[in-house]
Amino acid sequence: MDIQFVAQIDASADVVAFPVRKGEAGALGALLGALAKQARFDGAAGSVAETAAFDGDRATRLLLVGIGEGTVHDLERAGGALTARLQTSGVAVLHVDFASAGQIDEDDVLAFAMGAKLRDWRIDTYRTRLSDTAKPSLKTIVIASPAGDISARWGSYSAVADGVALTQTLVAEPPNILYPESFVERCQHLADLGVEIEVLDERQMKALGMGALLGVAQGSVRPPRLLAMRWNGGNADDKPVVFIGKGVTFDTGGISLKPGPGMDMMKWDMGGAGAVAGAMKAIAGRKAKANVVGIVGLVENMPDGNAQRPGDIVTTMSGQTVEVLNTDAEGRLVLCDAITWAQKVYEPKVIVDLATLTGAMVISLGHEYAGIFANDDGLSDKLIAAGEATNNKLWRFPLSPAYDKLIDSPIADMKNIGPREGGSITAAQFLKRFVEDGVAWAHLDIAGTAWSDKDGPVWAKGATGYGVRLLDRYIADNHEG
């Protein structure tokens, strides 16, 4: 989608939308005021009403869109609502006139544009019988505001939206198309933005002793990969912030097989890896002045004759041993070796991992928040703040030595699963054992937020792109001068 910014609407515009604050519909003039009254439109964020005006044989389509209280999230919701309304309507160009919206500044207009662009993502790759009326038509949004042409600032916003779109595409792709090797291929274009890319294959990971990650992958004909994406935008001597994503491109549960109904949705068990890849695209795309590394462990978890068995003991890259009691608790096995490798290679002071890790997190928080676990209060506070700012919300859960006994093994250093109770916490306690002293670490369990069964304010039903804007905002607020 092309978004343009101008000082005023062209008189030839045939589709025009007017943003309206909540409770201010009465100041719209006769025609639009009558529309608002008839449609019971009060300016609530994301609400839309429309009519037409006629001048001879020329008709102009007029829309009202509510911007609520005018907060960033309200404005994003309004932009998203217009895109959703007009995406397949036959309209190619939409003009938006902020003249009726009261006091508006550049940030408000940019937030509105961001919502509109985010909501534009969709995947039609495999829909060969899509009717013409169901195909996207909206190509351009022209926004007029007192700020005039703010294209120079829009570039960084657009780059972040592109990162979110990459994540959504990766998460939405079917597992026969997206697997460890093809995931790596999908990220190669990041090199054009200046991202340094390194890929470890199975042989290299075996030489490094990544027995946990490789144990998950051994039942699949799809070979595993470890992908590292490095952006050097800060001072040369600054240690990078490292983001690590769980990349199980399909999860059957392995020998501990999942129930058949709903297993198709396990294509998005690489949502953490997708978020990391999208965040790296966003950070590089806007030329962030920070050093950031994104690492994703990519595997497919299958119940082959060579698959890992419940009861197996694996040796992680750290040297710690794990008794695998449930092969469906595989994400932590992938992450632990990625965390160890990241610390040995990059010596970071900050690590944030993201994973669709536990169903227990969905039971705890539903689909409104992701869970955060952290060994550092300051890091936790900064990530929660970034989540509030981007509407990628986080809720903090405890870490405590009291939970460690639940994953102690009588035959190895630890088990890969604890009892039913506290499942998300014991998973985080497992990962914490691989974080070195002095490293600030946070674990984000995004099991309930990577995918949505209904439309959201800036996404359609399906992949949400959760995590990209959160990570990008965390970098912008805390690691750039």
Protein backbone atom coordinates (compact mmCIF):
# COMPACT_ATOMS: atom_id res chain seq x y z
CA MET A 1 0.00 0.00 0.00
CA ASP A 2 1.22 3.47 -0.94
CA ILE A 3 0.52 6.15 1.65
CA GLN A 4 0.98 9.78 0.71
CA PHE A 5 0.74 12.98 2.76
CA VAL A 6 -0.52 16.30 1.43
CA ALA A 7 -1.64 19.68 2.78
CA GLN A 8 -5.22 19.47 1.48
CA ILE A 9 -7.59 17.14 -0.32
CA ASP A 10 -7.79 17.44 -4.09
CA ALA A 11 -11.18 18.64 -5.29
CA SER A 12 -11.36 15.68 -7.70
CA ALA A 13 -11.26 13.09 -4.89
CA ASP A 14 -14.19 10.71 -5.19
CA VAL A 15 -13.75 8.77 -1.92
CA VAL A 16 -13.08 10.87 1.17
CA ALA A 17 -12.95 9.88 4.83
CA PHE A 18 -13.22 12.28 7.77
CA PRO A 19 -11.70 11.28 11.14
CA VAL A 20 -13.93 12.32 14.04
CA ARG A 21 -13.23 12.39 17.77
CA LYS A 22 -15.66 10.72 20.14
CA GLY A 23 -18.55 13.03 20.97
CA GLU A 24 -17.71 15.61 18.28
CA ALA A 25 -19.87 14.34 15.44
CA GLY A 26 -22.25 17.24 15.96
CA ALA A 27 -19.75 19.71 14.52
CA LEU A 28 -19.55 18.09 11.08
CA GLY A 29 -21.95 20.27 9.12
CA ALA A 30 -25.37 19.46 7.72
CA LEU A 31 -24.70 16.45 5.48
CA LEU A 32 -22.12 14.63 7.61
CA GLY A 33 -23.93 15.57 10.80
CA ALA A 34 -27.11 14.00 9.46
CA LEU A 35 -25.14 10.89 8.48
CA ALA A 36 -23.70 10.62 11.98
CA LYS A 37 -27.10 10.99 13.59
CA GLN A 38 -28.79 8.48 11.28
CA ALA A 39 -26.01 5.90 11.72
CA ARG A 40 -25.72 6.49 15.50
CA PHE A 41 -22.10 7.34 14.86
CA ASP A 42 -20.46 8.96 17.88
CA GLY A 43 -16.77 8.81 16.93
CA ALA A 44 -15.90 5.66 18.88
CA ALA A 45 -12.48 4.42 17.78
CA GLY A 46 -12.73 2.27 14.68
CA SER A 47 -16.41 2.95 13.99
CA VAL A 48 -17.29 3.79 10.38
CA ALA A 49 -20.35 5.33 8.74
CA GLU A 50 -20.79 6.33 5.12
CA THR A 51 -22.99 8.10 2.61
CA ALA A 52 -22.71 9.69 -0.83
CA ALA A 53 -22.90 13.25 -2.13
CA PHE A 54 -24.03 14.00 -5.66
CA ASP A 55 -23.09 16.86 -7.97
CA GLY A 56 -24.88 16.32 -11.23
CA ASP A 57 -23.82 12.92 -12.52
CA ARG A 58 -20.76 12.81 -10.20
CA ALA A 59 -20.97 10.93 -6.90
CA THR A 60 -18.54 11.29 -4.02
CA ARG A 61 -18.35 8.55 -1.41
CA LEU A 62 -18.06 10.04 2.07
CA LEU A 63 -17.03 8.16 5.20
CA LEU A 64 -16.77 9.05 8.85
CA VAL A 65 -14.23 7.15 10.93
CA GLY A 66 -14.04 7.40 14.69
CA ILE A 67 -10.72 8.19 16.35
CA GLY A 68 -12.10 7.92 19.89
CA GLU A 69 -10.13 9.95 22.40
CA GLY A 70 -7.35 10.48 19.89
CA THR A 71 -4.81 8.20 21.57
CA VAL A 72 -2.19 6.43 19.49
CA HIS A 73 -4.09 3.16 19.73
CA ASP A 74 -7.38 4.86 18.82
CA LEU A 75 -5.81 6.43 15.74
CA GLU A 76 -4.24 3.13 14.67
CA ARG A 77 -7.58 1.40 15.11
CA ALA A 78 -9.24 4.06 12.95
CA GLY A 79 -6.73 3.65 10.15
CA GLY A 80 -7.11 -0.11 10.33
CA ALA A 81 -10.89 0.16 10.21
CA LEU A 82 -10.82 2.18 7.00
CA THR A 83 -8.50 -0.30 5.31
CA ALA A 84 -10.71 -3.19 6.39
CA ARG A 85 -13.80 -1.39 5.12
CA LEU A 86 -12.40 -0.51 1.70
CA GLN A 87 -9.75 -3.15 1.01
CA THR A 88 -11.88 -5.16 -1.43
CA SER A 89 -14.54 -2.52 -2.10
CA GLY A 90 -13.42 -1.59 -5.60
CA VAL A 91 -11.96 1.68 -4.33
CA ALA A 92 -8.37 2.18 -5.50
CA VAL A 93 -7.58 5.55 -3.90
CA LEU A 94 -8.83 6.79 -0.54
CA HIS A 95 -8.43 10.38 0.59
CA VAL A 96 -8.48 11.15 4.31
CA ASP A 97 -9.17 14.70 5.51
CA PHE A 98 -8.12 15.45 9.09
CA ALA A 99 -9.56 18.98 8.94
CA SER A 100 -12.59 17.91 11.01
CA ALA A 101 -10.59 16.03 13.64
CA GLY A 102 -9.73 18.94 15.93
CA GLN A 103 -6.20 19.40 17.24
CA ILE A 104 -4.00 16.99 15.28
CA ASP A 105 -0.21 16.75 15.08
CA GLU A 106 2.25 14.76 12.99
CA ASP A 107 2.38 11.85 15.41
CA ASP A 108 -1.39 11.48 15.26
CA VAL A 109 -1.39 11.33 11.48
CA LEU A 110 1.47 8.86 11.43
CA ALA A 111 -0.30 6.60 13.92
CA PHE A 112 -3.42 6.64 11.72
CA ALA A 113 -1.33 5.80 8.65
CA MET A 114 0.43 3.02 10.54
CA GLY A 115 -2.86 1.37 11.41
CA ALA A 116 -4.01 1.60 7.81
CA LYS A 117 -0.83 0.00 6.48
CA LEU A 118 -0.71 -2.73 9.11
CA ARG A 119 -4.29 -3.78 8.38
CA ASP A 120 -3.51 -4.07 4.66
CA TRP A 121 -1.56 -7.34 5.04
CA ARG A 122 -3.21 -10.50 3.74
CA ILE A 123 -2.08 -13.72 2.10
CA ASP A 124 -3.85 -14.88 -1.06
CA THR A 125 -1.04 -17.00 -2.46
CA TYR A 126 -2.97 -20.24 -2.51
CA ARG A 127 -6.46 -18.93 -3.36
CA THR A 128 -6.75 -19.70 -7.06
CA ARG A 129 -10.51 -19.13 -7.32
CA LEU A 130 -10.75 -15.78 -5.63
CA SER A 131 -13.50 -13.74 -7.31
CA ASP A 132 -12.68 -10.30 -8.65
CA THR A 133 -14.91 -8.69 -6.02
CA ALA A 134 -12.96 -10.44 -3.27
CA LYS A 135 -9.55 -9.30 -4.51
CA PRO A 136 -7.85 -6.29 -2.91
CA SER A 137 -8.47 -3.03 -4.77
CA LEU A 138 -7.24 -0.37 -2.35
CA LYS A 139 -3.77 0.70 -3.48
CA THR A 140 -3.26 4.26 -2.24
CA ILE A 141 -4.26 6.37 0.75
CA VAL A 142 -3.73 10.12 0.51
CA ILE A 143 -3.84 11.84 3.90
CA ALA A 144 -4.32 15.57 4.27
CA SER A 145 -3.42 17.14 7.58
CA PRO A 146 -2.13 20.42 9.06
CA ALA A 147 1.30 18.76 9.16
CA GLY A 148 1.41 18.65 5.37
CA ASP A 149 3.95 16.36 3.72
CA ILE A 150 5.53 14.18 6.44
CA SER A 151 6.89 11.51 4.11
CA ALA A 152 10.37 11.83 5.58
CA ARG A 153 9.12 10.64 8.98
CA TRP A 154 6.83 8.02 7.49
CA GLY A 155 9.78 5.98 6.22
CA SER A 156 10.65 4.56 9.64
CA TYR A 157 7.01 3.73 10.38
CA SER A 158 6.63 2.00 7.04
CA ALA A 159 9.79 -0.04 7.70
CA VAL A 160 8.31 -1.34 10.95
CA ALA A 161 5.06 -2.23 9.20
CA ASP A 162 7.08 -4.13 6.60
CA GLY A 163 8.72 -6.07 9.42
CA VAL A 164 5.32 -6.97 10.85
CA ALA A 165 4.17 -8.11 7.41
CA LEU A 166 7.21 -10.39 7.06
CA THR A 167 6.36 -12.03 10.37
CA GLN A 168 2.72 -12.47 9.39
CA THR A 169 3.70 -14.10 6.12
CA LEU A 170 6.17 -16.46 7.75
CA VAL A 171 3.64 -17.47 10.41
CA ALA A 172 0.82 -17.95 7.89
CA GLU A 173 2.72 -20.09 5.37
CA PRO A 174 1.86 -23.80 5.33
CA PRO A 175 4.45 -26.21 6.76
CA ASN A 176 5.17 -27.89 3.42
CA ILE A 177 6.28 -24.48 2.15
CA LEU A 178 7.95 -23.06 5.26
CA TYR A 179 10.47 -25.34 6.96
CA PRO A 180 13.95 -24.69 8.38
CA GLU A 181 15.77 -24.36 5.07
CA SER A 182 13.09 -22.26 3.38
CA PHE A 183 12.75 -20.03 6.46
CA VAL A 184 16.43 -19.20 6.04
CA GLU A 185 15.85 -18.46 2.35
CA ARG A 186 12.97 -16.12 3.20
CA CYS A 187 15.34 -14.07 5.36
CA GLN A 188 18.16 -13.71 2.84
CA HIS A 189 16.75 -10.43 1.55
CA LEU A 190 17.64 -8.83 4.87
CA ALA A 191 21.22 -8.73 3.62
CA ASP A 192 20.10 -6.02 1.19
CA LEU A 193 19.27 -3.87 4.22
CA GLY A 194 22.74 -4.39 5.69
CA VAL A 195 22.01 -7.34 7.96
CA GLU A 196 24.86 -9.85 8.32
CA ILE A 197 23.55 -13.39 8.01
CA GLU A 198 25.12 -16.56 9.39
CA VAL A 199 23.63 -20.04 9.10
CA LEU A 200 24.67 -23.16 11.00
CA ASP A 201 23.77 -26.52 9.51
CA GLU A 202 23.30 -29.86 11.24
CA ARG A 203 26.96 -30.82 11.02
CA GLN A 204 28.12 -27.55 12.57
CA MET A 205 25.57 -27.75 15.37
CA LYS A 206 26.60 -31.31 16.13
CA ALA A 207 30.23 -30.22 16.38
CA LEU A 208 29.16 -27.52 18.85
CA GLY A 209 27.31 -30.06 20.99
CA MET A 210 23.76 -28.81 20.47
CA GLY A 211 22.24 -32.10 21.53
CA ALA A 212 18.98 -30.58 22.74
CA LEU A 213 18.09 -28.78 19.51
CA LEU A 214 19.25 -31.67 17.36
CA GLY A 215 17.28 -34.14 19.46
CA VAL A 216 14.06 -32.35 18.52
CA ALA A 217 14.98 -32.35 14.84
CA GLN A 218 16.12 -35.96 14.50
CA GLY A 219 12.68 -37.31 13.63
CA SER A 220 12.24 -35.10 10.56
CA VAL A 221 13.57 -35.38 7.05
CA ARG A 222 13.81 -31.58 7.11
CA PRO A 223 17.30 -30.73 8.43
CA PRO A 224 17.54 -28.13 11.21
CA ARG A 225 19.16 -24.73 10.93
CA LEU A 226 20.37 -22.03 13.29
CA LEU A 227 20.03 -18.60 11.71
CA ALA A 228 21.76 -15.50 13.07
CA MET A 229 20.96 -12.02 11.73
CA ARG A 230 23.21 -9.19 12.91
CA TRP A 231 22.55 -5.48 12.56
CA ASN A 232 25.50 -3.22 13.42
CA GLY A 233 23.96 0.23 13.75
CA GLY A 234 25.51 1.30 17.04
CA ASN A 235 29.01 1.92 18.34
CA ALA A 236 31.51 -0.73 17.30
CA ASP A 237 32.42 -1.58 20.90
CA ASP A 238 28.83 -1.85 22.20
CA LYS A 239 27.69 -5.36 23.04
CA PRO A 240 24.59 -6.27 21.04
CA VAL A 241 21.12 -6.90 22.32
CA VAL A 242 20.19 -10.45 21.33
CA PHE A 243 16.69 -11.60 20.39
CA ILE A 244 16.16 -15.36 20.20
CA GLY A 245 13.12 -17.03 18.64
CA LYS A 246 11.70 -20.52 18.82
CA GLY A 247 11.36 -21.75 15.25
CA VAL A 248 9.49 -25.06 15.28
CA THR A 249 8.14 -24.82 11.74
CA PHE A 250 5.71 -27.64 12.44
CA ASP A 251 5.04 -29.37 15.72
CA THR A 252 3.30 -32.73 15.78
CA GLY A 253 4.46 -33.23 19.36
CA GLY A 254 6.83 -35.94 18.17
CA ILE A 255 6.37 -39.34 19.83
CA SER A 256 4.26 -37.55 22.46
CA LEU A 257 1.83 -36.93 19.61
CA LYS A 258 -0.68 -34.09 19.80
CA PRO A 259 -4.39 -34.78 19.20
CA GLY A 260 -5.32 -34.64 15.53
CA PRO A 261 -7.99 -31.90 15.67
CA GLY A 262 -6.30 -28.52 15.46
CA MET A 263 -2.83 -29.92 14.78
CA ASP A 264 -2.78 -28.00 11.48
CA MET A 265 -2.44 -24.82 13.51
CA MET A 266 0.96 -25.94 14.69
CA LYS A 267 2.39 -24.36 11.56
CA TRP A 268 2.59 -21.20 13.68
CA ASP A 269 4.75 -22.78 16.38
CA MET A 270 7.56 -20.76 14.81
CA GLY A 271 5.85 -17.51 15.82
CA GLY A 272 8.78 -16.50 18.03
CA ALA A 273 11.26 -16.99 15.21
CA GLY A 274 8.94 -15.12 12.88
CA ALA A 275 8.79 -12.20 15.31
CA VAL A 276 12.57 -12.05 15.57
CA ALA A 277 12.98 -12.07 11.78
CA GLY A 278 10.37 -9.33 11.41
CA ALA A 279 11.96 -7.25 14.16
CA MET A 280 15.33 -7.48 12.43
CA LYS A 281 13.74 -6.28 9.20
CA ALA A 282 12.11 -3.38 11.03
CA ILE A 283 15.29 -2.40 12.88
CA ALA A 284 17.45 -2.58 9.78
CA GLY A 285 14.81 -0.97 7.59
CA ARG A 286 14.70 2.17 9.71
CA LYS A 287 18.49 2.14 10.23
CA ALA A 288 18.34 1.88 14.01
CA LYS A 289 21.39 3.24 15.82
CA ALA A 290 21.93 0.10 17.88
CA ASN A 291 23.67 -3.26 17.65
CA VAL A 292 21.09 -6.04 17.54
CA VAL A 293 21.33 -9.74 16.78
CA GLY A 294 18.39 -11.98 15.97
CA ILE A 295 18.87 -15.74 16.39
CA VAL A 296 16.34 -18.40 15.50
CA GLY A 297 16.55 -22.13 16.10
CA LEU A 298 14.70 -23.86 13.26
CA VAL A 299 13.47 -27.44 13.49
CA GLU A 300 10.52 -29.62 12.58
CA ASN A 301 9.19 -31.95 15.32
CA MET A 302 8.00 -35.21 13.75
CA PRO A 303 7.22 -38.79 14.99
CA ASP A 304 9.61 -40.67 12.72
CA GLY A 305 11.20 -44.03 13.56
CA ASN A 306 14.32 -42.07 14.42
CA ALA A 307 12.46 -39.52 16.55
CA GLN A 308 13.46 -38.64 20.06
CA ARG A 309 11.76 -40.86 22.67
CA PRO A 310 10.28 -39.99 26.05
CA GLY A 311 12.99 -41.06 28.48
CA ASP A 312 15.93 -40.05 26.28
CA ILE A 313 18.67 -37.99 27.86
CA VAL A 314 20.34 -35.29 25.78
CA THR A 315 23.42 -33.20 26.45
CA THR A 316 22.96 -29.52 25.73
CA MET A 317 25.64 -27.21 24.32
CA SER A 318 26.12 -25.87 27.86
CA GLY A 319 27.08 -29.36 29.04
CA GLN A 320 23.96 -29.72 31.19
CA THR A 321 21.90 -32.84 30.62
CA VAL A 322 18.15 -33.07 30.13
CA GLU A 323 15.83 -36.02 30.62
CA VAL A 324 13.19 -35.71 27.91
CA LEU A 325 9.94 -36.87 29.48
CA ASN A 326 7.66 -35.32 26.88
CA THR A 327 8.76 -34.74 23.29
CA ASP A 328 6.04 -32.11 22.94
CA ALA A 329 7.91 -29.87 25.38
CA GLU A 330 10.39 -29.27 22.58
CA GLY A 331 10.60 -25.50 22.29
CA ARG A 332 12.68 -25.11 25.42
CA LEU A 333 15.13 -27.69 24.04
CA VAL A 334 15.60 -25.60 20.93
CA LEU A 335 15.91 -22.35 22.84
CA CYS A 336 18.39 -23.55 25.45
CA ASP A 337 21.07 -24.37 22.87
CA ALA A 338 20.39 -21.12 21.00
CA ILE A 339 20.77 -19.18 24.27
CA THR A 340 24.08 -20.89 25.04
CA TRP A 341 25.43 -20.27 21.53
CA ALA A 342 24.38 -16.61 21.63
CA GLN A 343 26.27 -16.04 24.87
CA LYS A 344 29.44 -17.75 23.64
CA VAL A 345 29.51 -15.92 20.30
CA TYR A 346 28.16 -12.45 21.12
CA GLU A 347 28.67 -12.02 24.90
CA PRO A 348 25.49 -9.94 25.18
CA LYS A 349 24.37 -8.09 28.26
CA VAL A 350 20.71 -8.46 27.27
CA ILE A 351 18.84 -11.47 25.85
CA VAL A 352 15.13 -11.55 25.05
CA ASP A 353 13.64 -14.80 23.81
CA LEU A 354 10.20 -15.23 22.26
CA ALA A 355 8.34 -18.49 21.91
CA THR A 356 4.90 -19.96 21.44
CA LEU A 357 5.99 -22.13 24.32
CA THR A 358 3.11 -23.33 26.49
CA GLY A 359 -0.61 -23.92 26.27
CA ALA A 360 -0.66 -23.03 29.95
CA MET A 361 0.01 -19.43 28.99
CA VAL A 362 -3.17 -19.32 26.92
CA ILE A 363 -5.12 -20.72 29.88
CA SER A 364 -3.60 -18.02 32.12
CA LEU A 365 -3.92 -14.95 29.91
CA GLY A 366 -6.11 -15.86 26.97
CA HIS A 367 -5.25 -13.91 23.84
CA GLU A 368 -4.96 -10.40 25.24
CA TYR A 369 -1.47 -10.47 26.77
CA ALA A 370 1.72 -12.46 26.36
CA GLY A 371 3.57 -13.58 29.47
CA ILE A 372 6.95 -12.20 30.48
CA PHE A 373 9.48 -13.79 32.82
CA ALA A 374 12.69 -11.95 33.64
CA ASN A 375 15.73 -12.10 35.87
CA ASP A 376 16.05 -8.31 35.79
CA ASP A 377 13.35 -5.90 36.97
CA GLY A 378 14.61 -3.03 34.82
CA LEU A 379 14.52 -5.11 31.65
CA SER A 380 11.05 -6.36 32.49
CA ASP A 381 9.76 -2.82 33.07
CA LYS A 382 11.21 -1.59 29.77
CA LEU A 383 9.69 -4.44 27.78
CA ILE A 384 6.31 -4.00 29.44
CA ALA A 385 6.43 -0.28 28.61
CA ALA A 386 7.29 -1.05 24.99
CA GLY A 387 4.38 -3.48 24.91
CA GLU A 388 1.96 -0.85 26.20
CA ALA A 389 3.19 1.67 23.64
CA THR A 390 2.69 -0.73 20.72
CA ASN A 391 -0.37 -2.61 22.00
CA ASN A 392 1.73 -5.81 22.15
CA LYS A 393 0.91 -6.20 25.82
CA LEU A 394 2.85 -8.19 28.40
CA TRP A 395 1.98 -9.48 31.87
CA ARG A 396 4.75 -10.48 34.25
CA PHE A 397 4.93 -13.90 35.91
CA PRO A 398 7.22 -15.00 38.75
CA LEU A 399 10.52 -16.80 38.67
CA SER A 400 11.66 -18.45 41.89
CA PRO A 401 14.01 -21.21 43.09
CA ALA A 402 10.90 -22.71 44.69
CA TYR A 403 9.86 -23.91 41.24
CA ASP A 404 13.21 -25.48 40.40
CA LYS A 405 12.49 -28.67 42.29
CA LEU A 406 9.61 -29.33 39.91
CA ILE A 407 12.02 -29.89 37.01
CA ASP A 408 14.85 -31.62 38.88
CA SER A 409 15.51 -35.09 37.45
CA PRO A 410 16.65 -38.15 39.42
CA ILE A 411 18.78 -39.28 36.49
CA ALA A 412 19.92 -36.08 34.72
CA ASP A 413 20.47 -32.42 35.57
CA MET A 414 16.86 -31.57 34.80
CA LYS A 415 13.64 -32.76 33.18
CA ASN A 416 12.16 -30.97 30.19
CA ILE A 417 8.73 -30.80 31.79
CA GLY A 418 7.28 -30.41 35.24
CA PRO A 419 3.81 -31.20 36.61
CA ARG A 420 0.62 -29.80 35.08
CA GLU A 421 0.45 -26.91 37.49
CA GLY A 422 2.64 -23.87 36.80
CA GLY A 423 3.54 -25.14 33.34
CA SER A 424 4.55 -21.78 31.91
CA ILE A 425 6.64 -21.01 34.99
CA THR A 426 8.54 -24.29 34.98
CA ALA A 427 9.28 -23.79 31.27
CA ALA A 428 10.79 -20.40 32.08
CA GLN A 429 12.73 -21.87 35.03
CA PHE A 430 14.16 -24.42 32.59
CA LEU A 431 15.43 -21.68 30.26
CA LYS A 432 16.82 -19.64 33.13
CA ARG A 433 19.29 -22.44 33.89
CA PHE A 434 21.06 -21.63 30.62
CA VAL A 435 21.44 -17.89 31.21
CA GLU A 436 24.88 -16.89 32.47
CA ASP A 437 25.41 -14.66 35.51
CA GLY A 438 25.41 -10.97 34.60
CA VAL A 439 23.17 -11.35 31.56
CA ALA A 440 19.82 -9.56 31.77
CA TRP A 441 17.29 -11.98 30.30
CA ALA A 442 13.59 -12.00 29.57
CA HIS A 443 11.44 -14.80 28.20
CA LEU A 444 8.23 -13.88 26.36
CA ASP A 445 5.67 -16.67 26.04
CA ILE A 446 3.55 -15.56 23.08
CA ALA A 447 1.48 -18.72 22.66
CA GLY A 448 -1.79 -16.80 22.94
CA THR A 449 -0.90 -13.78 20.82
CA ALA A 450 0.93 -14.98 17.68
CA TRP A 451 -2.33 -16.05 16.02
CA SER A 452 -5.89 -14.80 16.31
CA ASP A 453 -9.13 -16.50 15.37
CA LYS A 454 -10.82 -13.14 14.82
CA ASP A 455 -9.98 -9.77 13.34
CA GLY A 456 -8.03 -7.36 15.51
CA PRO A 457 -7.64 -3.58 15.36
CA VAL A 458 -4.71 -3.72 12.93
CA TRP A 459 -4.76 -7.30 11.67
CA ALA A 460 -7.18 -9.66 9.97
CA LYS A 461 -7.98 -13.10 11.36
CA GLY A 462 -4.80 -15.18 11.37
CA ALA A 463 -1.19 -14.18 11.97
CA THR A 464 -0.98 -11.05 14.13
CA GLY A 465 2.72 -10.17 13.78
CA TYR A 466 2.91 -9.93 17.58
CA GLY A 467 6.32 -9.04 18.97
CA VAL A 468 7.83 -7.09 16.07
CA ARG A 469 6.72 -3.66 17.16
CA LEU A 470 7.40 -4.48 20.81
CA LEU A 471 11.02 -5.43 20.13
CA ASP A 472 11.56 -2.51 17.78
CA ARG A 473 10.14 -0.05 20.31
CA TYR A 474 12.26 -1.55 23.10
CA ILE A 475 15.38 -0.91 21.00
CA ALA A 476 14.28 2.59 20.01
CA ASP A 477 13.51 3.63 23.59
CA ASN A 478 16.45 2.04 25.37
CA HIS A 479 19.39 1.39 23.05
CA GLU A 480 19.51 4.31 20.64
CA GLY A 481 21.01 7.67 21.47
